[in-house]
PDB file of N, CA and C in Angstrom:
ATOM      1  N   MET A   1      93.009 103.839  63.653  1.00  0.00           N
ATOM      2  CA  MET A   1      94.029 104.830  63.847  1.00  0.00           C
ATOM      3  C   MET A   1      94.362 104.904  65.336  1.00  0.00           C
ATOM      4  N   GLN A   2      95.636 104.842  65.661  1.00  0.00           N
ATOM      5  CA  GLN A   2      96.112 104.927  67.032  1.00  0.00           C
ATOM      6  C   GLN A   2      96.224 106.399  67.456  1.00  0.00           C
ATOM      7  N   PRO A   3      96.269 106.683  68.777  1.00  0.00           N
ATOM      8  CA  PRO A   3      96.375 108.068  69.247  1.00  0.00           C
ATOM      9  C   PRO A   3      97.607 108.806  68.704  1.00  0.00           C
ATOM     10  N   ASP A   4      98.673 108.068  68.428  1.00  0.00           N
ATOM     11  CA  ASP A   4      99.887 108.712  67.918  1.00  0.00           C
ATOM     12  C   ASP A   4      99.867 108.899  66.397  1.00  0.00           C
ATOM     13  N   GLY A   5      98.755 108.569  65.752  1.00  0.00           N
ATOM     14  CA  GLY A   5      98.628 108.739  64.308  1.00  0.00           C
ATOM     15  C   GLY A   5      99.008 107.518  63.494  1.00  0.00           C
ATOM     16  N   SER A   6      99.466 106.474  64.158  1.00  0.00           N
ATOM     17  CA  SER A   6      99.839 105.263  63.437  1.00  0.00           C
ATOM     18  C   SER A   6      98.603 104.416  63.162  1.00  0.00           C
ATOM     19  N   LEU A   7      98.764 103.482  62.251  1.00  0.00           N
ATOM     20  CA  LEU A   7      97.679 102.573  61.897  1.00  0.00           C
ATOM     21  C   LEU A   7      98.119 101.165  62.266  1.00  0.00           C
ATOM     22  N   LEU A   8      97.299 100.464  63.023  1.00  0.00           N
ATOM     23  CA  LEU A   8      97.598  99.108  63.454  1.00  0.00           C
ATOM     24  C   LEU A   8      96.842  98.132  62.564  1.00  0.00           C
ATOM     25  N   VAL A   9      97.570  97.238  61.919  1.00  0.00           N
ATOM     26  CA  VAL A   9      96.968  96.221  61.054  1.00  0.00           C
ATOM     27  C   VAL A   9      97.291  94.867  61.673  1.00  0.00           C
ATOM     28  N   LEU A  10      96.267  94.087  61.963  1.00  0.00           N
ATOM     29  CA  LEU A  10      96.455  92.789  62.595  1.00  0.00           C
ATOM     30  C   LEU A  10      96.372  91.660  61.581  1.00  0.00           C
ATOM     31  N   ASP A  11      97.187  90.641  61.798  1.00  0.00           N
ATOM     32  CA  ASP A  11      97.152  89.404  61.011  1.00  0.00           C
ATOM     33  C   ASP A  11      97.315  89.629  59.511  1.00  0.00           C
ATOM     34  N   ALA A  12      98.296  90.431  59.123  1.00  0.00           N
ATOM     35  CA  ALA A  12      98.582  90.641  57.700  1.00  0.00           C
ATOM     36  C   ALA A  12     100.092  90.673  57.501  1.00  0.00           C
ATOM     37  N   ASP A  13     100.547  90.143  56.370  1.00  0.00           N
ATOM     38  CA  ASP A  13     101.973  90.190  56.038  1.00  0.00           C
ATOM     39  C   ASP A  13     102.375  91.618  55.702  1.00  0.00           C
ATOM     40  N   LEU A  14     103.623  91.978  56.043  1.00  0.00           N
ATOM     41  CA  LEU A  14     104.112  93.315  55.735  1.00  0.00           C
ATOM     42  C   LEU A  14     104.046  93.599  54.235  1.00  0.00           C
ATOM     43  N   SER A  15     104.349  92.600  53.423  1.00  0.00           N
ATOM     44  CA  SER A  15     104.341  92.814  51.975  1.00  0.00           C
ATOM     45  C   SER A  15     102.930  93.133  51.468  1.00  0.00           C
ATOM     46  N   VAL A  16     101.918  92.487  52.028  1.00  0.00           N
ATOM     47  CA  VAL A  16     100.535  92.744  51.623  1.00  0.00           C
ATOM     48  C   VAL A  16     100.131  94.163  52.006  1.00  0.00           C
ATOM     49  N   VAL A  17     100.496  94.594  53.211  1.00  0.00           N
ATOM     50  CA  VAL A  17     100.159  95.948  53.663  1.00  0.00           C
ATOM     51  C   VAL A  17     100.857  96.975  52.784  1.00  0.00           C
ATOM     52  N   GLY A  18     102.143  96.769  52.519  1.00  0.00           N
ATOM     53  CA  GLY A  18     102.907  97.708  51.688  1.00  0.00           C
ATOM     54  C   GLY A  18     102.384  97.781  50.266  1.00  0.00           C
ATOM     55  N   GLU A  19     102.096  96.638  49.666  1.00  0.00           N
ATOM     56  CA  GLU A  19     101.576  96.611  48.298  1.00  0.00           C
ATOM     57  C   GLU A  19     100.192  97.252  48.210  1.00  0.00           C
ATOM     58  N   THR A  20      99.349  97.020  49.218  1.00  0.00           N
ATOM     59  CA  THR A  20      98.012  97.627  49.223  1.00  0.00           C
ATOM     60  C   THR A  20      98.118  99.147  49.350  1.00  0.00           C
ATOM     61  N   ALA A  21      98.996  99.614  50.202  1.00  0.00           N
ATOM     62  CA  ALA A  21      99.194 101.057  50.355  1.00  0.00           C
ATOM     63  C   ALA A  21      99.704 101.665  49.054  1.00  0.00           C
ATOM     64  N   ALA A  22     100.626 100.998  48.385  1.00  0.00           N
ATOM     65  CA  ALA A  22     101.162 101.510  47.117  1.00  0.00           C
ATOM     66  C   ALA A  22     100.086 101.531  46.032  1.00  0.00           C
ATOM     67  N   ARG A  23      99.254 100.497  45.983  1.00  0.00           N
ATOM     68  CA  ARG A  23      98.206 100.421  44.982  1.00  0.00           C
ATOM     69  C   ARG A  23      97.247 101.614  45.096  1.00  0.00           C
ATOM     70  N   TYR A  24      96.966 102.045  46.318  1.00  0.00           N
ATOM     71  CA  TYR A  24      96.051 103.172  46.538  1.00  0.00           C
ATOM     72  C   TYR A  24      96.794 104.493  46.763  1.00  0.00           C
ATOM     73  N   GLN A  25      98.079 104.500  46.440  1.00  0.00           N
ATOM     74  CA  GLN A  25      98.942 105.682  46.549  1.00  0.00           C
ATOM     75  C   GLN A  25      98.899 106.301  47.950  1.00  0.00           C
ATOM     76  N   ILE A  26      98.985 105.445  48.944  1.00  0.00           N
ATOM     77  CA  ILE A  26      99.037 105.884  50.339  1.00  0.00           C
ATOM     78  C   ILE A  26     100.505 105.871  50.768  1.00  0.00           C
ATOM     79  N   PRO A  27     101.048 107.036  51.092  1.00  0.00           N
ATOM     80  CA  PRO A  27     102.455 107.067  51.503  1.00  0.00           C
ATOM     81  C   PRO A  27     102.644 106.436  52.882  1.00  0.00           C
ATOM     82  N   LEU A  28     103.671 105.625  53.003  1.00  0.00           N
ATOM     83  CA  LEU A  28     104.025 105.010  54.282  1.00  0.00           C
ATOM     84  C   LEU A  28     105.394 105.550  54.701  1.00  0.00           C
ATOM     85  N   HIS A  29     105.486 106.041  55.922  1.00  0.00           N
ATOM     86  CA  HIS A  29     106.757 106.542  56.433  1.00  0.00           C
ATOM     87  C   HIS A  29     107.525 105.447  57.153  1.00  0.00           C
ATOM     88  N   GLU A  30     106.820 104.483  57.626  1.00  0.00           N
ATOM     89  CA  GLU A  30     107.455 103.348  58.290  1.00  0.00           C
ATOM     90  C   GLU A  30     106.500 102.168  58.241  1.00  0.00           C
ATOM     91  N   LEU A  31     107.053 101.005  58.000  1.00  0.00           N
ATOM     92  CA  LEU A  31     106.276  99.770  57.992  1.00  0.00           C
ATOM     93  C   LEU A  31     107.086  98.758  58.787  1.00  0.00           C
ATOM     94  N   SER A  32     106.597  98.376  59.956  1.00  0.00           N
ATOM     95  CA  SER A  32     107.363  97.463  60.798  1.00  0.00           C
ATOM     96  C   SER A  32     106.444  96.458  61.466  1.00  0.00           C
ATOM     97  N   GLU A  33     107.006  95.299  61.722  1.00  0.00           N
ATOM     98  CA  GLU A  33     106.267  94.246  62.399  1.00  0.00           C
ATOM     99  C   GLU A  33     106.471  94.414  63.895  1.00  0.00           C
ATOM    100  N   GLN A  34     105.379  94.380  64.633  1.00  0.00           N
ATOM    101  CA  GLN A  34     105.439  94.523  66.086  1.00  0.00           C
ATOM    102  C   GLN A  34     105.008  93.217  66.724  1.00  0.00           C
ATOM    103  N   ALA A  35     105.754  92.785  67.714  1.00  0.00           N
ATOM    104  CA  ALA A  35     105.393  91.584  68.468  1.00  0.00           C
ATOM    105  C   ALA A  35     105.351  91.951  69.944  1.00  0.00           C
ATOM    106  N   ALA A  36     104.373  91.442  70.645  1.00  0.00           N
ATOM    107  CA  ALA A  36     104.269  91.707  72.074  1.00  0.00           C
ATOM    108  C   ALA A  36     105.403  91.005  72.804  1.00  0.00           C
ATOM    109  N   SER A  37     105.927  91.673  73.817  1.00  0.00           N
ATOM    110  CA  SER A  37     106.956  91.051  74.638  1.00  0.00           C
ATOM    111  C   SER A  37     106.314  89.975  75.503  1.00  0.00           C
ATOM    112  N   LEU A  38     107.129  89.127  76.058  1.00  0.00           N
ATOM    113  CA  LEU A  38     106.626  88.086  76.950  1.00  0.00           C
ATOM    114  C   LEU A  38     105.934  88.731  78.154  1.00  0.00           C
ATOM    115  N   GLU A  39     106.493  89.829  78.657  1.00  0.00           N
ATOM    116  CA  GLU A  39     105.877  90.532  79.778  1.00  0.00           C
ATOM    117  C   GLU A  39     104.500  91.070  79.397  1.00  0.00           C
ATOM    118  N   GLN A  40     104.395  91.676  78.219  1.00  0.00           N
ATOM    119  CA  GLN A  40     103.112  92.218  77.775  1.00  0.00           C
ATOM    120  C   GLN A  40     102.087  91.104  77.586  1.00  0.00           C
ATOM    121  N   ALA A  41     102.508  89.980  77.016  1.00  0.00           N
ATOM    122  CA  ALA A  41     101.600  88.850  76.826  1.00  0.00           C
ATOM    123  C   ALA A  41     101.101  88.329  78.176  1.00  0.00           C
ATOM    124  N   PHE A  42     101.989  88.254  79.177  1.00  0.00           N
ATOM    125  CA  PHE A  42     101.599  87.798  80.510  1.00  0.00           C
ATOM    126  C   PHE A  42     100.610  88.767  81.139  1.00  0.00           C
ATOM    127  N   LEU A  43     100.887  90.071  81.045  1.00  0.00           N
ATOM    128  CA  LEU A  43      99.993  91.064  81.641  1.00  0.00           C
ATOM    129  C   LEU A  43      98.614  91.028  81.000  1.00  0.00           C
ATOM    130  N   GLU A  44      98.555  90.843  79.708  1.00  0.00           N
ATOM    131  CA  GLU A  44      97.260  90.747  79.029  1.00  0.00           C
ATOM    132  C   GLU A  44      96.518  89.476  79.435  1.00  0.00           C
ATOM    133  N   ALA A  45      97.249  88.365  79.564  1.00  0.00           N
ATOM    134  CA  ALA A  45      96.620  87.096  79.915  1.00  0.00           C
ATOM    135  C   ALA A  45      96.104  87.091  81.345  1.00  0.00           C
ATOM    136  N   THR A  46      96.751  87.847  82.229  1.00  0.00           N
ATOM    137  CA  THR A  46      96.365  87.841  83.638  1.00  0.00           C
ATOM    138  C   THR A  46      95.690  89.141  84.067  1.00  0.00           C
ATOM    139  N   SER A  47      95.244  89.946  83.138  1.00  0.00           N
ATOM    140  CA  SER A  47      94.690  91.253  83.486  1.00  0.00           C
ATOM    141  C   SER A  47      93.425  91.154  84.331  1.00  0.00           C
ATOM    142  N   GLU A  48      92.695  90.065  84.247  1.00  0.00           N
ATOM    143  CA  GLU A  48      91.469  89.911  85.025  1.00  0.00           C
ATOM    144  C   GLU A  48      91.713  89.255  86.381  1.00  0.00           C
ATOM    145  N   ALA A  49      92.917  88.755  86.631  1.00  0.00           N
ATOM    146  CA  ALA A  49      93.217  88.060  87.887  1.00  0.00           C
ATOM    147  C   ALA A  49      93.430  89.075  89.005  1.00  0.00           C
ATOM    148  N   THR A  50      93.034  88.706  90.210  1.00  0.00           N
ATOM    149  CA  THR A  50      93.249  89.537  91.388  1.00  0.00           C
ATOM    150  C   THR A  50      94.312  88.878  92.243  1.00  0.00           C
ATOM    151  N   GLN A  51      95.354  89.629  92.583  1.00  0.00           N
ATOM    152  CA  GLN A  51      96.432  89.062  93.382  1.00  0.00           C
ATOM    153  C   GLN A  51      96.182  89.195  94.870  1.00  0.00           C
ATOM    154  N   TYR A  52      95.429  90.181  95.304  1.00  0.00           N
ATOM    155  CA  TYR A  52      95.174  90.386  96.719  1.00  0.00           C
ATOM    156  C   TYR A  52      93.843  91.099  96.890  1.00  0.00           C
ATOM    157  N   HIS A  53      93.309  91.024  98.075  1.00  0.00           N
ATOM    158  CA  HIS A  53      92.076  91.719  98.412  1.00  0.00           C
ATOM    159  C   HIS A  53      92.362  92.637  99.586  1.00  0.00           C
ATOM    160  N   ALA A  54      91.926  93.855  99.529  1.00  0.00           N
ATOM    161  CA  ALA A  54      92.079  94.782 100.634  1.00  0.00           C
ATOM    162  C   ALA A  54      90.972  94.542 101.648  1.00  0.00           C
ATOM    163  N   LEU A  55      91.324  94.631 102.921  1.00  0.00           N
ATOM    164  CA  LEU A  55      90.335  94.481 103.974  1.00  0.00           C
ATOM    165  C   LEU A  55      89.722  95.835 104.280  1.00  0.00           C
ATOM    166  N   SER A  56      88.463  95.840 104.659  1.00  0.00           N
ATOM    167  CA  SER A  56      87.833  97.088 105.045  1.00  0.00           C
ATOM    168  C   SER A  56      87.745  97.146 106.557  1.00  0.00           C
ATOM    169  N   GLY A  57      87.691  98.331 107.098  1.00  0.00           N
ATOM    170  CA  GLY A  57      87.584  98.505 108.540  1.00  0.00           C
ATOM    171  C   GLY A  57      88.948  98.698 109.177  1.00  0.00           C
ATOM    172  N   PRO A  58      88.970  98.826 110.511  1.00  0.00           N
ATOM    173  CA  PRO A  58      90.241  99.064 111.212  1.00  0.00           C
ATOM    174  C   PRO A  58      91.110  97.814 111.209  1.00  0.00           C
ATOM    175  N   PRO A  59      92.422  97.996 111.373  1.00  0.00           N
ATOM    176  CA  PRO A  59      93.305  96.829 111.412  1.00  0.00           C
ATOM    177  C   PRO A  59      93.073  96.013 112.678  1.00  0.00           C
ATOM    178  N   PRO A  60      93.358  94.714 112.658  1.00  0.00           N
ATOM    179  CA  PRO A  60      93.155  93.890 113.855  1.00  0.00           C
ATOM    180  C   PRO A  60      94.148  94.267 114.949  1.00  0.00           C
ATOM    181  N   ARG A  61      93.795  94.029 116.199  1.00  0.00           N
ATOM    182  CA  ARG A  61      94.691  94.279 117.333  1.00  0.00           C
ATOM    183  C   ARG A  61      95.243  92.962 117.829  1.00  0.00           C
ATOM    184  N   TRP A  62      96.373  93.029 118.538  1.00  0.00           N
ATOM    185  CA  TRP A  62      97.033  91.820 119.034  1.00  0.00           C
ATOM    186  C   TRP A  62      96.523  91.471 120.429  1.00  0.00           C
ATOM    187  N   THR A  63      96.387  90.160 120.683  1.00  0.00           N
ATOM    188  CA  THR A  63      96.073  89.692 122.033  1.00  0.00           C
ATOM    189  C   THR A  63      97.358  89.196 122.660  1.00  0.00           C
ATOM    190  N   GLU A  64      97.324  88.842 123.936  1.00  0.00           N
ATOM    191  CA  GLU A  64      98.525  88.345 124.615  1.00  0.00           C
ATOM    192  C   GLU A  64      99.022  87.032 124.020  1.00  0.00           C
ATOM    193  N   SER A  65      98.161  86.272 123.358  1.00  0.00           N
ATOM    194  CA  SER A  65      98.602  85.022 122.753  1.00  0.00           C
ATOM    195  C   SER A  65      99.277  85.252 121.407  1.00  0.00           C
ATOM    196  N   ARG A  66      99.473  86.533 121.059  1.00  0.00           N
ATOM    197  CA  ARG A  66     100.154  86.951 119.835  1.00  0.00           C
ATOM    198  C   ARG A  66      99.387  86.577 118.569  1.00  0.00           C
ATOM    199  N   THR A  67      98.107  86.505 118.655  1.00  0.00           N
ATOM    200  CA  THR A  67      97.295  86.291 117.464  1.00  0.00           C
ATOM    201  C   THR A  67      96.481  87.547 117.200  1.00  0.00           C
ATOM    202  N   ALA A  68      96.239  87.828 115.965  1.00  0.00           N
ATOM    203  CA  ALA A  68      95.487  89.024 115.600  1.00  0.00           C
ATOM    204  C   ALA A  68      94.003  88.775 115.751  1.00  0.00           C
ATOM    205  N   THR A  69      93.401  89.474 116.694  1.00  0.00           N
ATOM    206  CA  THR A  69      91.957  89.395 116.868  1.00  0.00           C
ATOM    207  C   THR A  69      91.421  90.786 117.132  1.00  0.00           C
ATOM    208  N   PRO A  70      90.226  91.079 116.690  1.00  0.00           N
ATOM    209  CA  PRO A  70      89.659  92.403 116.943  1.00  0.00           C
ATOM    210  C   PRO A  70      89.536  92.670 118.440  1.00  0.00           C
ATOM    211  N   GLY A  71      89.944  93.873 118.871  1.00  0.00           N
ATOM    212  CA  GLY A  71      89.771  94.285 120.259  1.00  0.00           C
ATOM    213  C   GLY A  71      90.864  93.850 121.205  1.00  0.00           C
ATOM    214  N   GLY A  72      91.876  93.129 120.753  1.00  0.00           N
ATOM    215  CA  GLY A  72      92.961  92.677 121.622  1.00  0.00           C
ATOM    216  C   GLY A  72      93.967  93.780 121.901  1.00  0.00           C
ATOM    217  N   THR A  73      94.991  93.477 122.686  1.00  0.00           N
ATOM    218  CA  THR A  73      96.043  94.438 122.972  1.00  0.00           C
ATOM    219  C   THR A  73      97.336  93.959 122.347  1.00  0.00           C
ATOM    220  N   PRO A  74      98.256  94.869 122.005  1.00  0.00           N
ATOM    221  CA  PRO A  74      99.496  94.438 121.359  1.00  0.00           C
ATOM    222  C   PRO A  74     100.361  93.615 122.306  1.00  0.00           C
ATOM    223  N   PRO A  75     101.084  92.606 121.789  1.00  0.00           N
ATOM    224  CA  PRO A  75     101.938  91.777 122.642  1.00  0.00           C
ATOM    225  C   PRO A  75     103.157  92.557 123.102  1.00  0.00           C
ATOM    226  N   SER A  76     103.725  92.132 124.236  1.00  0.00           N
ATOM    227  CA  SER A  76     104.938  92.748 124.755  1.00  0.00           C
ATOM    228  C   SER A  76     106.136  92.169 124.010  1.00  0.00           C
ATOM    229  N   ASN A  77     107.139  92.998 123.780  1.00  0.00           N
ATOM    230  CA  ASN A  77     108.347  92.533 123.098  1.00  0.00           C
ATOM    231  C   ASN A  77     109.385  91.990 124.080  1.00  0.00           C
ATOM    232  N   ARG A  78     109.123  92.111 125.402  1.00  0.00           N
ATOM    233  CA  ARG A  78     110.072  91.622 126.395  1.00  0.00           C
ATOM    234  C   ARG A  78     109.932  90.129 126.564  1.00  0.00           C
ATOM    235  N   ARG A  79     111.075  89.479 126.812  1.00  0.00           N
ATOM    236  CA  ARG A  79     111.061  88.045 127.117  1.00  0.00           C
ATOM    237  C   ARG A  79     110.899  87.868 128.612  1.00  0.00           C
ATOM    238  N   ARG A  80     110.063  86.983 129.014  1.00  0.00           N
ATOM    239  CA  ARG A  80     109.833  86.745 130.438  1.00  0.00           C
ATOM    240  C   ARG A  80     110.822  85.725 130.978  1.00  0.00           C
ATOM    241  N   GLY A  81     111.313  85.986 132.213  1.00  0.00           N
ATOM    242  CA  GLY A  81     112.192  85.022 132.881  1.00  0.00           C
ATOM    243  C   GLY A  81     113.643  85.079 132.450  1.00  0.00           C
ATOM    244  N   ARG A  82     114.029  85.977 131.551  1.00  0.00           N
ATOM    245  CA  ARG A  82     115.424  86.081 131.118  1.00  0.00           C
ATOM    246  C   ARG A  82     115.917  87.492 131.339  1.00  0.00           C
ATOM    247  N   ARG A  83     117.201  87.590 131.611  1.00  0.00           N
ATOM    248  CA  ARG A  83     117.808  88.912 131.768  1.00  0.00           C
ATOM    249  C   ARG A  83     118.925  89.063 130.802  1.00  0.00           C
TER     250      ARG A  83
END
């Protein structure tokens, strides 16, 4: 039983589900076939994959060579030798 009160039946034909419900006098208000969307199938297939890792600690600082290294100073945005 699903939280919304519906019943999910996997790998069965609609006719088999309907006939079984009728045989046991179980009223059905709706009987429909559900298929996962391509997006849902992709999300389920990749649910264990990690796309990125967060770094811990403070962000790196810039050195004068414009590379990110811990403890450096931010680079200047001015161009040297030009006006």
